[in-house]
Amino acid sequence: MNANVGNADRILRIVAGIILISLVFVGPKTVWGWVGLVPLFTGLFRWCPAYTLFGLNTCKKP
């Protein structure tokens, strides 16, 4: 499992995930906030299965 999520993309995913998850506890309090786990985990693990499918990579080349 090679990293395919770059730094800017990673930070954006983590922030978006936290915001979506916070909707479960504050705001409309719907279960749709749990969708935020997807961007949160892909940001934390620096690997996105959709990027692998489409051959994308936002990491800097060594």
PDB file of N, CA and C in Angstrom:
ATOM      1  N   MET A   1       0.845  -1.172   0.000  1.00  0.00           N
ATOM      2  CA  MET A   1       0.000   0.000   0.000  1.00  0.00           C
ATOM      3  C   MET A   1       0.894   1.241   0.000  1.00  0.00           C
ATOM      4  N   ASN A   2       1.117   1.802  -1.172  1.00  0.00           N
ATOM      5  CA  ASN A   2       1.943   2.997  -1.309  1.00  0.00           C
ATOM      6  C   ASN A   2       1.104   4.245  -1.088  1.00  0.00           C
ATOM      7  N   ALA A   3       1.731   5.253  -0.512  1.00  0.00           N
ATOM      8  CA  ALA A   3       1.027   6.524  -0.283  1.00  0.00           C
ATOM      9  C   ALA A   3       0.729   7.182  -1.624  1.00  0.00           C
ATOM     10  N   ASN A   4      -0.506   7.665  -1.793  1.00  0.00           N
ATOM     11  CA  ASN A   4      -0.855   8.371  -3.015  1.00  0.00           C
ATOM     12  C   ASN A   4      -1.604   9.669  -2.736  1.00  0.00           C
ATOM     13  N   VAL A   5      -1.589  10.122  -1.480  1.00  0.00           N
ATOM     14  CA  VAL A   5      -2.243  11.370  -1.089  1.00  0.00           C
ATOM     15  C   VAL A   5      -1.165  12.325  -0.594  1.00  0.00           C
ATOM     16  N   GLY A   6      -1.035  13.476  -1.259  1.00  0.00           N
ATOM     17  CA  GLY A   6      -0.024  14.464  -0.902  1.00  0.00           C
ATOM     18  C   GLY A   6      -0.388  15.255   0.337  1.00  0.00           C
ATOM     19  N   ASN A   7       0.521  16.148   0.745  1.00  0.00           N
ATOM     20  CA  ASN A   7       0.347  16.898   1.998  1.00  0.00           C
ATOM     21  C   ASN A   7      -0.865  17.826   1.983  1.00  0.00           C
ATOM     22  N   ALA A   8      -1.023  18.632   0.936  1.00  0.00           N
ATOM     23  CA  ALA A   8      -2.155  19.567   0.881  1.00  0.00           C
ATOM     24  C   ALA A   8      -3.470  18.794   0.822  1.00  0.00           C
ATOM     25  N   ASP A   9      -3.505  17.757   0.013  1.00  0.00           N
ATOM     26  CA  ASP A   9      -4.687  16.903  -0.103  1.00  0.00           C
ATOM     27  C   ASP A   9      -4.984  16.229   1.231  1.00  0.00           C
ATOM     28  N   ARG A  10      -3.957  15.812   1.912  1.00  0.00           N
ATOM     29  CA  ARG A  10      -4.100  15.131   3.202  1.00  0.00           C
ATOM     30  C   ARG A  10      -4.731  16.050   4.245  1.00  0.00           C
ATOM     31  N   ILE A  11      -4.228  17.269   4.355  1.00  0.00           N
ATOM     32  CA  ILE A  11      -4.747  18.228   5.328  1.00  0.00           C
ATOM     33  C   ILE A  11      -6.208  18.561   5.020  1.00  0.00           C
ATOM     34  N   LEU A  12      -6.509  18.748   3.746  1.00  0.00           N
ATOM     35  CA  LEU A  12      -7.878  19.049   3.333  1.00  0.00           C
ATOM     36  C   LEU A  12      -8.829  17.913   3.689  1.00  0.00           C
ATOM     37  N   ARG A  13      -8.406  16.676   3.479  1.00  0.00           N
ATOM     38  CA  ARG A  13      -9.239  15.517   3.795  1.00  0.00           C
ATOM     39  C   ARG A  13      -9.481  15.386   5.298  1.00  0.00           C
ATOM     40  N   ILE A  14      -8.441  15.592   6.094  1.00  0.00           N
ATOM     41  CA  ILE A  14      -8.579  15.474   7.545  1.00  0.00           C
ATOM     42  C   ILE A  14      -9.532  16.544   8.083  1.00  0.00           C
ATOM     43  N   VAL A  15      -9.375  17.780   7.617  1.00  0.00           N
ATOM     44  CA  VAL A  15     -10.249  18.864   8.075  1.00  0.00           C
ATOM     45  C   VAL A  15     -11.687  18.596   7.648  1.00  0.00           C
ATOM     46  N   ALA A  16     -11.896  18.184   6.410  1.00  0.00           N
ATOM     47  CA  ALA A  16     -13.248  17.895   5.919  1.00  0.00           C
ATOM     48  C   ALA A  16     -13.874  16.745   6.712  1.00  0.00           C
ATOM     49  N   GLY A  17     -13.078  15.720   7.008  1.00  0.00           N
ATOM     50  CA  GLY A  17     -13.575  14.588   7.778  1.00  0.00           C
ATOM     51  C   GLY A  17     -14.007  14.988   9.178  1.00  0.00           C
ATOM     52  N   ILE A  18     -13.200  15.805   9.827  1.00  0.00           N
ATOM     53  CA  ILE A  18     -13.535  16.253  11.183  1.00  0.00           C
ATOM     54  C   ILE A  18     -14.798  17.112  11.173  1.00  0.00           C
ATOM     55  N   ILE A  19     -14.930  17.970  10.170  1.00  0.00           N
ATOM     56  CA  ILE A  19     -16.123  18.813  10.071  1.00  0.00           C
ATOM     57  C   ILE A  19     -17.365  17.954   9.861  1.00  0.00           C
ATOM     58  N   LEU A  20     -17.280  16.980   8.966  1.00  0.00           N
ATOM     59  CA  LEU A  20     -18.437  16.120   8.708  1.00  0.00           C
ATOM     60  C   LEU A  20     -18.811  15.285   9.931  1.00  0.00           C
ATOM     61  N   ILE A  21     -17.814  14.758  10.620  1.00  0.00           N
ATOM     62  CA  ILE A  21     -18.093  13.962  11.818  1.00  0.00           C
ATOM     63  C   ILE A  21     -18.705  14.838  12.913  1.00  0.00           C
ATOM     64  N   SER A  22     -18.288  16.093  13.002  1.00  0.00           N
ATOM     65  CA  SER A  22     -18.843  16.978  14.023  1.00  0.00           C
ATOM     66  C   SER A  22     -20.337  17.227  13.798  1.00  0.00           C
ATOM     67  N   LEU A  23     -20.811  17.050  12.565  1.00  0.00           N
ATOM     68  CA  LEU A  23     -22.241  17.224  12.288  1.00  0.00           C
ATOM     69  C   LEU A  23     -23.095  16.180  12.998  1.00  0.00           C
ATOM     70  N   VAL A  24     -22.495  15.062  13.370  1.00  0.00           N
ATOM     71  CA  VAL A  24     -23.230  14.027  14.090  1.00  0.00           C
ATOM     72  C   VAL A  24     -23.583  14.520  15.495  1.00  0.00           C
ATOM     73  N   PHE A  25     -22.695  15.305  16.080  1.00  0.00           N
ATOM     74  CA  PHE A  25     -22.873  15.735  17.463  1.00  0.00           C
ATOM     75  C   PHE A  25     -23.443  17.149  17.587  1.00  0.00           C
ATOM     76  N   VAL A  26     -23.147  17.996  16.601  1.00  0.00           N
ATOM     77  CA  VAL A  26     -23.604  19.386  16.621  1.00  0.00           C
ATOM     78  C   VAL A  26     -24.280  19.659  15.280  1.00  0.00           C
ATOM     79  N   GLY A  27     -25.324  20.431  15.290  1.00  0.00           N
ATOM     80  CA  GLY A  27     -25.976  20.774  14.028  1.00  0.00           C
ATOM     81  C   GLY A  27     -27.161  19.870  13.752  1.00  0.00           C
ATOM     82  N   PRO A  28     -27.298  19.396  12.500  1.00  0.00           N
ATOM     83  CA  PRO A  28     -28.488  18.622  12.151  1.00  0.00           C
ATOM     84  C   PRO A  28     -28.562  17.244  12.817  1.00  0.00           C
ATOM     85  N   LYS A  29     -27.462  16.758  13.348  1.00  0.00           N
ATOM     86  CA  LYS A  29     -27.406  15.478  14.069  1.00  0.00           C
ATOM     87  C   LYS A  29     -27.981  14.318  13.244  1.00  0.00           C
ATOM     88  N   THR A  30     -27.486  14.198  12.023  1.00  0.00           N
ATOM     89  CA  THR A  30     -27.895  13.086  11.166  1.00  0.00           C
ATOM     90  C   THR A  30     -26.749  12.090  11.048  1.00  0.00           C
ATOM     91  N   VAL A  31     -27.068  10.895  10.635  1.00  0.00           N
ATOM     92  CA  VAL A  31     -26.038   9.867  10.493  1.00  0.00           C
ATOM     93  C   VAL A  31     -25.151  10.112   9.275  1.00  0.00           C
ATOM     94  N   TRP A  32     -25.527  11.017   8.400  1.00  0.00           N
ATOM     95  CA  TRP A  32     -24.710  11.322   7.234  1.00  0.00           C
ATOM     96  C   TRP A  32     -23.352  11.901   7.627  1.00  0.00           C
ATOM     97  N   GLY A  33     -23.229  12.405   8.821  1.00  0.00           N
ATOM     98  CA  GLY A  33     -21.947  12.919   9.284  1.00  0.00           C
ATOM     99  C   GLY A  33     -20.884  11.848   9.368  1.00  0.00           C
ATOM    100  N   TRP A  34     -21.295  10.597   9.541  1.00  0.00           N
ATOM    101  CA  TRP A  34     -20.330   9.500   9.624  1.00  0.00           C
ATOM    102  C   TRP A  34     -19.634   9.258   8.295  1.00  0.00           C
ATOM    103  N   VAL A  35     -20.134   9.835   7.220  1.00  0.00           N
ATOM    104  CA  VAL A  35     -19.451   9.757   5.926  1.00  0.00           C
ATOM    105  C   VAL A  35     -18.076  10.422   6.050  1.00  0.00           C
ATOM    106  N   GLY A  36     -17.927  11.298   7.025  1.00  0.00           N
ATOM    107  CA  GLY A  36     -16.659  11.971   7.272  1.00  0.00           C
ATOM    108  C   GLY A  36     -15.527  11.035   7.660  1.00  0.00           C
ATOM    109  N   LEU A  37     -15.860   9.803   8.035  1.00  0.00           N
ATOM    110  CA  LEU A  37     -14.809   8.830   8.357  1.00  0.00           C
ATOM    111  C   LEU A  37     -13.970   8.489   7.129  1.00  0.00           C
ATOM    112  N   VAL A  38     -14.587   8.517   5.961  1.00  0.00           N
ATOM    113  CA  VAL A  38     -13.867   8.168   4.734  1.00  0.00           C
ATOM    114  C   VAL A  38     -12.731   9.161   4.459  1.00  0.00           C
ATOM    115  N   PRO A  39     -13.012  10.474   4.355  1.00  0.00           N
ATOM    116  CA  PRO A  39     -11.888  11.383   4.121  1.00  0.00           C
ATOM    117  C   PRO A  39     -10.912  11.441   5.293  1.00  0.00           C
ATOM    118  N   LEU A  40     -11.409  11.248   6.509  1.00  0.00           N
ATOM    119  CA  LEU A  40     -10.518  11.264   7.666  1.00  0.00           C
ATOM    120  C   LEU A  40      -9.512  10.118   7.587  1.00  0.00           C
ATOM    121  N   PHE A  41      -9.983   8.908   7.329  1.00  0.00           N
ATOM    122  CA  PHE A  41      -9.081   7.759   7.259  1.00  0.00           C
ATOM    123  C   PHE A  41      -8.160   7.818   6.049  1.00  0.00           C
ATOM    124  N   THR A  42      -8.672   8.276   4.900  1.00  0.00           N
ATOM    125  CA  THR A  42      -7.795   8.372   3.734  1.00  0.00           C
ATOM    126  C   THR A  42      -6.724   9.440   3.950  1.00  0.00           C
ATOM    127  N   GLY A  43      -7.046  10.475   4.711  1.00  0.00           N
ATOM    128  CA  GLY A  43      -6.047  11.490   5.032  1.00  0.00           C
ATOM    129  C   GLY A  43      -5.031  10.992   6.039  1.00  0.00           C
ATOM    130  N   LEU A  44      -5.474  10.253   7.031  1.00  0.00           N
ATOM    131  CA  LEU A  44      -4.560   9.747   8.057  1.00  0.00           C
ATOM    132  C   LEU A  44      -3.626   8.670   7.516  1.00  0.00           C
ATOM    133  N   PHE A  45      -4.149   7.795   6.658  1.00  0.00           N
ATOM    134  CA  PHE A  45      -3.340   6.704   6.126  1.00  0.00           C
ATOM    135  C   PHE A  45      -2.614   7.061   4.833  1.00  0.00           C
ATOM    136  N   ARG A  46      -2.894   8.267   4.281  1.00  0.00           N
ATOM    137  CA  ARG A  46      -2.254   8.760   3.064  1.00  0.00           C
ATOM    138  C   ARG A  46      -2.446   7.823   1.875  1.00  0.00           C
ATOM    139  N   TRP A  47      -3.555   7.115   1.845  1.00  0.00           N
ATOM    140  CA  TRP A  47      -3.858   6.202   0.747  1.00  0.00           C
ATOM    141  C   TRP A  47      -5.336   6.276   0.425  1.00  0.00           C
ATOM    142  N   CYS A  48      -5.642   6.494  -0.841  1.00  0.00           N
ATOM    143  CA  CYS A  48      -7.028   6.597  -1.284  1.00  0.00           C
ATOM    144  C   CYS A  48      -7.294   5.526  -2.340  1.00  0.00           C
ATOM    145  N   PRO A  49      -8.247   4.631  -2.089  1.00  0.00           N
ATOM    146  CA  PRO A  49      -8.528   3.579  -3.071  1.00  0.00           C
ATOM    147  C   PRO A  49      -9.040   4.138  -4.402  1.00  0.00           C
ATOM    148  N   ALA A  50      -9.751   5.249  -4.386  1.00  0.00           N
ATOM    149  CA  ALA A  50     -10.238   5.847  -5.638  1.00  0.00           C
ATOM    150  C   ALA A  50      -9.064   6.363  -6.471  1.00  0.00           C
ATOM    151  N   TYR A  51      -8.054   6.931  -5.825  1.00  0.00           N
ATOM    152  CA  TYR A  51      -6.864   7.387  -6.548  1.00  0.00           C
ATOM    153  C   TYR A  51      -6.170   6.207  -7.217  1.00  0.00           C
ATOM    154  N   THR A  52      -6.125   5.072  -6.534  1.00  0.00           N
ATOM    155  CA  THR A  52      -5.510   3.877  -7.099  1.00  0.00           C
ATOM    156  C   THR A  52      -6.287   3.410  -8.325  1.00  0.00           C
ATOM    157  N   LEU A  53      -7.597   3.428  -8.238  1.00  0.00           N
ATOM    158  CA  LEU A  53      -8.453   3.012  -9.347  1.00  0.00           C
ATOM    159  C   LEU A  53      -8.232   3.864 -10.593  1.00  0.00           C
ATOM    160  N   PHE A  54      -8.126   5.187 -10.405  1.00  0.00           N
ATOM    161  CA  PHE A  54      -7.987   6.105 -11.530  1.00  0.00           C
ATOM    162  C   PHE A  54      -6.535   6.440 -11.866  1.00  0.00           C
ATOM    163  N   GLY A  55      -5.585   5.873 -11.127  1.00  0.00           N
ATOM    164  CA  GLY A  55      -4.168   6.099 -11.410  1.00  0.00           C
ATOM    165  C   GLY A  55      -3.686   7.489 -11.019  1.00  0.00           C
ATOM    166  N   LEU A  56      -4.307   8.090 -10.021  1.00  0.00           N
ATOM    167  CA  LEU A  56      -3.906   9.421  -9.561  1.00  0.00           C
ATOM    168  C   LEU A  56      -2.919   9.315  -8.420  1.00  0.00           C
ATOM    169  N   ASN A  57      -2.099  10.352  -8.272  1.00  0.00           N
ATOM    170  CA  ASN A  57      -1.131  10.403  -7.186  1.00  0.00           C
ATOM    171  C   ASN A  57      -0.804  11.875  -6.941  1.00  0.00           C
ATOM    172  N   THR A  58      -1.072  12.381  -5.740  1.00  0.00           N
ATOM    173  CA  THR A  58      -0.779  13.771  -5.421  1.00  0.00           C
ATOM    174  C   THR A  58       0.481  13.914  -4.566  1.00  0.00           C
ATOM    175  N   CYS A  59       1.202  12.822  -4.336  1.00  0.00           N
ATOM    176  CA  CYS A  59       2.463  12.876  -3.595  1.00  0.00           C
ATOM    177  C   CYS A  59       3.552  13.453  -4.488  1.00  0.00           C
ATOM    178  N   LYS A  60       4.518  14.096  -3.855  1.00  0.00           N
ATOM    179  CA  LYS A  60       5.670  14.598  -4.605  1.00  0.00           C
ATOM    180  C   LYS A  60       6.525  13.427  -5.064  1.00  0.00           C
ATOM    181  N   LYS A  61       7.068  13.555  -6.230  1.00  0.00           N
ATOM    182  CA  LYS A  61       7.951  12.522  -6.773  1.00  0.00           C
ATOM    183  C   LYS A  61       9.315  12.607  -6.091  1.00  0.00           C
ATOM    184  N   PRO A  62       9.904  11.466  -5.716  1.00  0.00           N
ATOM    185  CA  PRO A  62      11.225  11.507  -5.051  1.00  0.00           C
ATOM    186  C   PRO A  62      12.338  11.885  -6.000  1.00  0.00           C
TER     187      PRO A  62
END
